[in-house]
C-alpha atoms as a PDB file:
ATOM      1  CA  MET A   1      90.829  32.206  28.794  1.00  0.00           C
ATOM      2  CA  LYS A   2      87.983  33.848  30.661  1.00  0.00           C
ATOM      3  CA  THR A   3      88.628  35.524  33.995  1.00  0.00           C
ATOM      4  CA  VAL A   4      85.365  34.287  35.537  1.00  0.00           C
ATOM      5  CA  PHE A   5      85.834  31.733  38.320  1.00  0.00           C
ATOM      6  CA  SER A   6      85.246  28.127  37.283  1.00  0.00           C
ATOM      7  CA  ILE A   7      85.447  24.921  39.330  1.00  0.00           C
ATOM      8  CA  GLN A   8      86.778  23.179  36.193  1.00  0.00           C
ATOM      9  CA  TRP A   9      90.243  24.665  36.812  1.00  0.00           C
ATOM     10  CA  LEU A  10      90.502  22.456  39.866  1.00  0.00           C
ATOM     11  CA  LYS A  11      90.731  19.417  37.591  1.00  0.00           C
ATOM     12  CA  SER A  12      93.459  20.855  35.390  1.00  0.00           C
ATOM     13  CA  VAL A  13      97.105  19.841  35.760  1.00  0.00           C
ATOM     14  CA  GLN A  14      98.367  23.030  34.144  1.00  0.00           C
ATOM     15  CA  PRO A  15     100.126  25.290  36.679  1.00  0.00           C
ATOM     16  CA  ARG A  16      98.724  28.466  35.092  1.00  0.00           C
ATOM     17  CA  LYS A  17      95.161  27.235  35.575  1.00  0.00           C
ATOM     18  CA  GLN A  18      95.885  26.213  39.167  1.00  0.00           C
ATOM     19  CA  ARG A  19      97.259  29.700  39.908  1.00  0.00           C
ATOM     20  CA  LYS A  20      94.198  31.197  38.249  1.00  0.00           C
ATOM     21  CA  PHE A  21      91.921  28.987  40.371  1.00  0.00           C
ATOM     22  CA  GLY A  22      93.494  30.300  43.567  1.00  0.00           C
ATOM     23  CA  LEU A  23      93.578  33.936  42.529  1.00  0.00           C
ATOM     24  CA  ASN A  24      90.033  34.160  41.149  1.00  0.00           C
ATOM     25  CA  ALA A  25      88.373  31.947  43.764  1.00  0.00           C
ATOM     26  CA  PRO A  26      85.596  33.451  45.898  1.00  0.00           C
ATOM     27  CA  LEU A  27      86.320  34.000  49.602  1.00  0.00           C
ATOM     28  CA  HIS A  28      84.407  30.932  50.811  1.00  0.00           C
ATOM     29  CA  ILE A  29      86.785  28.758  48.753  1.00  0.00           C
ATOM     30  CA  LYS A  30      89.893  30.844  49.569  1.00  0.00           C
ATOM     31  CA  GLY A  31      89.245  30.032  53.215  1.00  0.00           C
ATOM     32  CA  ASP A  32      90.256  26.432  52.471  1.00  0.00           C
ATOM     33  CA  PHE A  33      93.703  27.683  51.410  1.00  0.00           C
ATOM     34  CA  LEU A  34      94.312  29.016  54.939  1.00  0.00           C
ATOM     35  CA  ARG A  35      95.131  25.618  56.397  1.00  0.00           C
ATOM     36  CA  ALA A  36      98.349  24.849  58.255  1.00  0.00           C
ATOM     37  CA  ARG A  37      99.871  21.695  59.672  1.00  0.00           C
ATOM     38  CA  LEU A  38      99.300  20.881  63.307  1.00  0.00           C
ATOM     39  CA  PHE A  39     102.102  20.387  65.807  1.00  0.00           C
ATOM     40  CA  LYS A  40     102.890  16.692  66.324  1.00  0.00           C
ATOM     41  CA  GLU A  41     101.142  16.381  69.715  1.00  0.00           C
ATOM     42  CA  LEU A  42      98.045  18.247  68.480  1.00  0.00           C
ATOM     43  CA  SER A  43      97.909  16.104  65.369  1.00  0.00           C
ATOM     44  CA  GLN A  44      97.918  12.897  67.392  1.00  0.00           C
ATOM     45  CA  LYS A  45      95.418  14.239  69.924  1.00  0.00           C
ATOM     46  CA  HIS A  46      92.813  15.416  67.404  1.00  0.00           C
ATOM     47  CA  GLN A  47      93.549  12.850  64.660  1.00  0.00           C
ATOM     48  CA  LEU A  48      93.964  15.656  62.111  1.00  0.00           C
ATOM     49  CA  ARG A  49      96.902  16.600  59.929  1.00  0.00           C
ATOM     50  CA  SER A  50      95.994  20.228  59.265  1.00  0.00           C
ATOM     51  CA  LEU A  51      93.435  22.799  60.343  1.00  0.00           C
ATOM     52  CA  ARG A  52      92.277  26.206  59.184  1.00  0.00           C
ATOM     53  CA  ILE A  53      94.081  29.079  60.899  1.00  0.00           C
ATOM     54  CA  ARG A  54      92.056  31.658  62.802  1.00  0.00           C
ATOM     55  CA  THR A  55      92.797  34.752  64.853  1.00  0.00           C
ATOM     56  CA  GLY A  56      94.109  33.881  68.310  1.00  0.00           C
ATOM     57  CA  ASP A  57      95.862  30.630  67.364  1.00  0.00           C
ATOM     58  CA  LYS A  58      99.517  30.319  68.341  1.00  0.00           C
ATOM     59  CA  VAL A  59     101.823  29.403  65.467  1.00  0.00           C
ATOM     60  CA  LEU A  60     105.503  28.640  64.924  1.00  0.00           C
ATOM     61  CA  ILE A  61     106.987  30.145  61.761  1.00  0.00           C
ATOM     62  CA  GLN A  62     108.957  27.477  59.891  1.00  0.00           C
ATOM     63  CA  LYS A  63     110.321  29.330  56.846  1.00  0.00           C
ATOM     64  CA  GLY A  64     111.501  32.778  55.865  1.00  0.00           C
ATOM     65  CA  GLN A  65     113.262  35.583  57.698  1.00  0.00           C
ATOM     66  CA  PHE A  66     111.202  35.007  60.859  1.00  0.00           C
ATOM     67  CA  LYS A  67     111.970  31.270  61.071  1.00  0.00           C
ATOM     68  CA  GLY A  68     111.728  30.011  64.647  1.00  0.00           C
ATOM     69  CA  THR A  69     109.492  32.874  65.781  1.00  0.00           C
ATOM     70  CA  SER A  70     106.417  31.868  67.731  1.00  0.00           C
ATOM     71  CA  GLY A  71     103.446  34.133  68.244  1.00  0.00           C
ATOM     72  CA  LEU A  72      99.695  34.668  68.143  1.00  0.00           C
ATOM     73  CA  VAL A  73      97.852  35.205  64.877  1.00  0.00           C
ATOM     74  CA  GLU A  74      96.698  38.839  64.916  1.00  0.00           C
ATOM     75  CA  LYS A  75      94.921  38.975  61.571  1.00  0.00           C
ATOM     76  CA  VAL A  76      93.873  36.617  58.778  1.00  0.00           C
ATOM     77  CA  ASP A  77      93.627  38.067  55.255  1.00  0.00           C
ATOM     78  CA  LEU A  78      91.376  35.858  53.119  1.00  0.00           C
ATOM     79  CA  ALA A  79      91.735  37.903  49.942  1.00  0.00           C
ATOM     80  CA  ARG A  80      95.550  37.737  49.933  1.00  0.00           C
ATOM     81  CA  THR A  81      95.842  34.288  51.614  1.00  0.00           C
ATOM     82  CA  ARG A  82      98.160  35.655  54.280  1.00  0.00           C
ATOM     83  CA  ILE A  83      98.279  35.730  58.075  1.00  0.00           C
ATOM     84  CA  TYR A  84      99.855  38.291  60.398  1.00  0.00           C
ATOM     85  CA  VAL A  85     101.713  36.990  63.451  1.00  0.00           C
ATOM     86  CA  LYS A  86     102.562  39.011  66.543  1.00  0.00           C
ATOM     87  CA  GLY A  87     106.347  39.222  66.714  1.00  0.00           C
ATOM     88  CA  ALA A  88     106.871  39.007  62.944  1.00  0.00           C
ATOM     89  CA  GLU A  89     107.273  42.716  62.272  1.00  0.00           C
ATOM     90  CA  ILE A  90     109.517  44.749  60.010  1.00  0.00           C
ATOM     91  CA  THR A  91     110.791  48.247  60.732  1.00  0.00           C
ATOM     92  CA  LYS A  92     109.890  50.966  58.249  1.00  0.00           C
ATOM     93  CA  LYS A  93     112.287  53.736  57.234  1.00  0.00           C
ATOM     94  CA  GLU A  94     110.360  56.220  59.369  1.00  0.00           C
ATOM     95  CA  GLY A  95     110.960  54.006  62.415  1.00  0.00           C
ATOM     96  CA  GLY A  96     107.480  52.527  62.771  1.00  0.00           C
ATOM     97  CA  LYS A  97     106.797  48.808  62.844  1.00  0.00           C
ATOM     98  CA  VAL A  98     104.375  46.962  60.603  1.00  0.00           C
ATOM     99  CA  SER A  99     103.255  43.319  60.658  1.00  0.00           C
ATOM    100  CA  TYR A 100     104.737  41.120  57.943  1.00  0.00           C
ATOM    101  CA  PRO A 101     102.342  38.967  55.853  1.00  0.00           C
ATOM    102  CA  ILE A 102     103.114  35.225  56.018  1.00  0.00           C
ATOM    103  CA  HIS A 103     101.684  32.432  53.884  1.00  0.00           C
ATOM    104  CA  PRO A 104      99.902  29.741  55.976  1.00  0.00           C
ATOM    105  CA  SER A 105     101.989  26.935  54.457  1.00  0.00           C
ATOM    106  CA  ASN A 106     105.055  28.395  56.184  1.00  0.00           C
ATOM    107  CA  VAL A 107     103.706  28.029  59.726  1.00  0.00           C
ATOM    108  CA  GLN A 108     102.769  25.229  62.098  1.00  0.00           C
ATOM    109  CA  LEU A 109      99.877  25.445  64.563  1.00  0.00           C
ATOM    110  CA  THR A 110     101.068  24.892  68.137  1.00  0.00           C
ATOM    111  CA  VAL A 111      98.104  26.070  70.275  1.00  0.00           C
ATOM    112  CA  LEU A 112      94.477  26.276  69.124  1.00  0.00           C
ATOM    113  CA  VAL A 113      91.814  28.762  70.224  1.00  0.00           C
ATOM    114  CA  ALA A 114      89.673  26.893  72.742  1.00  0.00           C
ATOM    115  CA  ASP A 115      86.494  28.998  72.574  1.00  0.00           C
ATOM    116  CA  ASP A 116      85.094  27.368  69.406  1.00  0.00           C
ATOM    117  CA  LYS A 117      83.815  23.913  70.326  1.00  0.00           C
ATOM    118  CA  LYS A 118      82.451  23.128  66.838  1.00  0.00           C
ATOM    119  CA  ARG A 119      85.745  23.833  65.065  1.00  0.00           C
ATOM    120  CA  LEU A 120      87.318  20.403  65.529  1.00  0.00           C
ATOM    121  CA  LYS A 121      84.042  18.550  65.033  1.00  0.00           C
ATOM    122  CA  LYS A 122      83.509  20.247  61.692  1.00  0.00           C
ATOM    123  CA  GLN A 123      87.002  19.333  60.521  1.00  0.00           C
ATOM    124  CA  SER A 124      86.755  15.720  61.691  1.00  0.00           C
ATOM    125  CA  THR A 125      83.485  15.216  59.801  1.00  0.00           C
ATOM    126  CA  LYS A 126      85.077  16.643  56.648  1.00  0.00           C
ATOM    127  CA  THR A 127      87.971  14.205  56.897  1.00  0.00           C
ATOM    128  CA  MET A 128      85.659  11.236  57.538  1.00  0.00           C
ATOM    129  CA  GLU A 129      83.443  11.917  54.502  1.00  0.00           C
ATOM    130  CA  GLY A 130      83.954   9.172  51.966  1.00  0.00           C
ATOM    131  CA  LYS A 131      85.637   6.801  54.426  1.00  0.00           C
ATOM    132  CA  ASP A 132      84.272   3.667  56.036  1.00  0.00           C
ATOM    133  CA  GLN A 133      84.700   2.617  59.669  1.00  0.00           C
ATOM    134  CA  ASN A 134      88.247   1.335  59.089  1.00  0.00           C
ATOM    135  CA  GLY A 135      89.341   4.631  57.588  1.00  0.00           C
ATOM    136  CA  GLN A 136      89.487   3.246  54.030  1.00  0.00           C
ATOM    137  CA  THR A 137      88.358   5.482  51.172  1.00  0.00           C
ATOM    138  CA  THR A 138      85.136   4.353  49.562  1.00  0.00           C
ATOM    139  CA  PRO A 139      84.430   4.930  45.849  1.00  0.00           C
END
């Protein structure tokens, strides 16, 4: 199997090809993997289920050793599909602290950055593509 990125892997049901799709994808496609579920109130307010995470958002960690920790997103790593949350830090042997990488599927967005006005509009138009006025999917 070639290591060049191909959109055909998206249609495969084989787990190895799905892993390969995610690992070899270019950054503009890997950005779509950085989505996280919205908090219940946010989801109802914006009529969205999930949204792409960006620096400055406040998240609640749902799984892992930092479960229950809430903090601001300090850094988003597109290449590794990980985010770094303030408060989720591990102590090194030398005594220093370093941020722990967390997968976006393990967090829930609680507060969104308010400075980007186009962010929610862009997401709502993506979700409405292919749907009629009643919200039904059109062929």
